[in-house]
């Protein structure tokens, strides 16, 4: 069976699409608080969210169901955070050992981006 025909991979791609859509929705909502957020799909499996405090990048490997996240805060002396996440068979995400629904993960990622200096929640 080809990778494109594998139902598990197709499902992961659909869930990734939902995650990207949620990033756009929650970024827009965060923008209503005065700090514009830009969401850019830089590749089929990569997205970047840019806000005043910094940048959040997410990547995804649908074949393995794994992804990565990273924060960059240009000009800050803070550690730029990064880590991994896994899409579980039920559609939830395991982000650094914390299992959560997709919207919960997106809210956490956006909240961390919009906090001054990328404060960890």
Protein backbone atom coordinates (compact mmCIF):
# COMPACT_ATOMS: atom_id res chain seq x y z
CA UNK A 1 0.00 0.00 0.00
CA UNK A 2 1.36 3.41 -0.89
CA UNK A 3 1.91 6.07 1.74
CA UNK A 4 -0.79 8.23 0.14
CA UNK A 5 -3.32 5.37 0.34
CA UNK A 6 -2.59 4.42 3.96
CA UNK A 7 -5.76 5.32 5.93
CA UNK A 8 -3.81 6.08 9.12
CA UNK A 9 -1.58 8.57 7.32
CA UNK A 10 -4.58 10.14 5.58
CA UNK A 11 -6.29 10.53 8.97
CA UNK A 12 -3.16 12.12 10.44
CA UNK A 13 -3.03 14.60 7.55
CA UNK A 14 -6.68 15.52 8.17
CA UNK A 15 -6.01 16.03 11.87
CA UNK A 16 -2.93 18.13 11.03
CA UNK A 17 -5.16 20.27 8.78
CA UNK A 18 -7.53 20.75 11.72
CA UNK A 19 -4.63 21.71 13.96
CA UNK A 20 -3.49 24.34 11.44
CA UNK A 21 -7.07 25.67 11.21
CA UNK A 22 -7.23 25.95 14.99
CA UNK A 23 -3.91 27.80 15.01
CA UNK A 24 -5.44 30.35 12.63
CA UNK A 25 -8.61 30.73 14.71
CA UNK A 26 -6.84 31.09 18.06
CA UNK A 27 -4.19 33.37 16.56
CA UNK A 28 -6.94 35.62 15.21
CA UNK A 29 -8.60 35.64 18.63
CA UNK A 30 -5.28 36.57 20.26
CA UNK A 31 -4.91 39.36 17.70
CA UNK A 32 -8.12 40.91 19.01
CA UNK A 33 -6.18 41.74 22.18
CA UNK A 34 -4.04 44.19 20.22
CA UNK A 35 -1.04 42.10 19.15
CA UNK A 36 -1.32 41.01 15.52
CA UNK A 37 -0.59 37.34 14.82
CA UNK A 38 0.34 36.05 11.41
CA UNK A 39 -0.02 32.35 10.54
CA UNK A 40 1.95 31.13 7.53
CA UNK A 41 1.88 27.62 6.13
CA UNK A 42 5.48 27.42 4.93
CA UNK A 43 5.20 23.82 3.67
CA UNK A 44 2.49 21.14 3.64
CA UNK A 45 3.75 19.89 7.00
CA UNK A 46 5.10 23.10 8.55
CA UNK A 47 3.50 26.24 9.91
CA UNK A 48 4.82 29.40 11.57
CA UNK A 49 2.94 31.81 13.83
CA UNK A 50 4.52 35.24 14.24
CA UNK A 51 3.46 37.64 16.99
CA UNK A 52 5.03 40.62 18.70
CA UNK A 53 6.97 38.58 21.23
CA UNK A 54 8.34 36.03 18.85
CA UNK A 55 7.72 33.13 16.58
CA UNK A 56 6.22 29.66 17.00
CA UNK A 57 7.12 27.00 14.44
CA UNK A 58 5.42 23.61 14.16
CA UNK A 59 6.35 20.71 11.90
CA UNK A 60 4.67 17.35 11.36
CA UNK A 61 5.68 14.01 9.89
CA UNK A 62 2.40 12.26 8.97
CA UNK A 63 4.09 8.96 8.18
CA UNK A 64 5.38 8.65 11.75
CA UNK A 65 2.77 10.78 13.50
CA UNK A 66 5.45 12.92 15.13
CA UNK A 67 6.15 16.62 15.09
CA UNK A 68 8.23 19.35 16.64
CA UNK A 69 7.61 22.78 18.07
CA UNK A 70 9.98 25.67 18.64
CA UNK A 71 9.83 29.21 19.93
CA UNK A 72 12.18 31.98 18.88
CA UNK A 73 12.35 35.35 20.56
CA UNK A 74 14.72 37.53 18.52
CA UNK A 75 16.64 40.02 20.60
CA UNK A 76 15.83 38.33 23.88
CA UNK A 77 18.33 36.67 26.16
CA UNK A 78 15.88 33.91 26.86
CA UNK A 79 16.28 30.33 25.91
CA UNK A 80 14.47 29.62 22.67
CA UNK A 81 12.32 26.62 23.57
CA UNK A 82 11.82 23.56 21.42
CA UNK A 83 10.49 20.05 21.77
CA UNK A 84 8.52 17.26 20.21
CA UNK A 85 4.98 16.00 20.07
CA UNK A 86 3.20 12.85 18.91
CA UNK A 87 -0.24 12.47 17.37
CA UNK A 88 -1.97 9.59 19.12
CA UNK A 89 -4.28 7.11 17.38
CA UNK A 90 -7.34 8.79 18.95
CA UNK A 91 -6.37 12.21 17.55
CA UNK A 92 -5.07 13.67 20.78
CA UNK A 93 -1.54 14.99 21.08
CA UNK A 94 1.22 13.97 23.45
CA UNK A 95 3.26 17.15 23.91
CA UNK A 96 6.36 16.44 25.96
CA UNK A 97 4.54 13.77 27.99
CA UNK A 98 1.32 15.74 28.48
CA UNK A 99 -1.62 14.19 26.59
CA UNK A 100 -4.21 16.74 25.47
CA UNK A 101 -6.88 17.48 22.93
CA UNK A 102 -5.75 19.37 19.83
CA UNK A 103 -7.47 22.61 20.81
CA UNK A 104 -5.88 22.48 24.26
CA UNK A 105 -2.42 22.09 22.72
CA UNK A 106 -3.03 24.96 20.30
CA UNK A 107 -4.28 27.22 23.11
CA UNK A 108 -1.15 26.41 25.14
CA UNK A 109 1.17 27.07 22.18
CA UNK A 110 -0.51 30.40 21.32
CA UNK A 111 -0.68 31.48 24.98
CA UNK A 112 3.02 30.84 25.43
CA UNK A 113 3.76 32.84 22.29
CA UNK A 114 1.66 35.79 23.40
CA UNK A 115 2.96 35.94 26.98
CA UNK A 116 5.67 38.52 27.55
CA UNK A 117 9.04 36.94 26.92
CA UNK A 118 7.48 33.55 26.16
CA UNK A 119 6.66 32.74 29.76
CA UNK A 120 6.07 29.05 30.26
CA UNK A 121 2.52 28.39 31.39
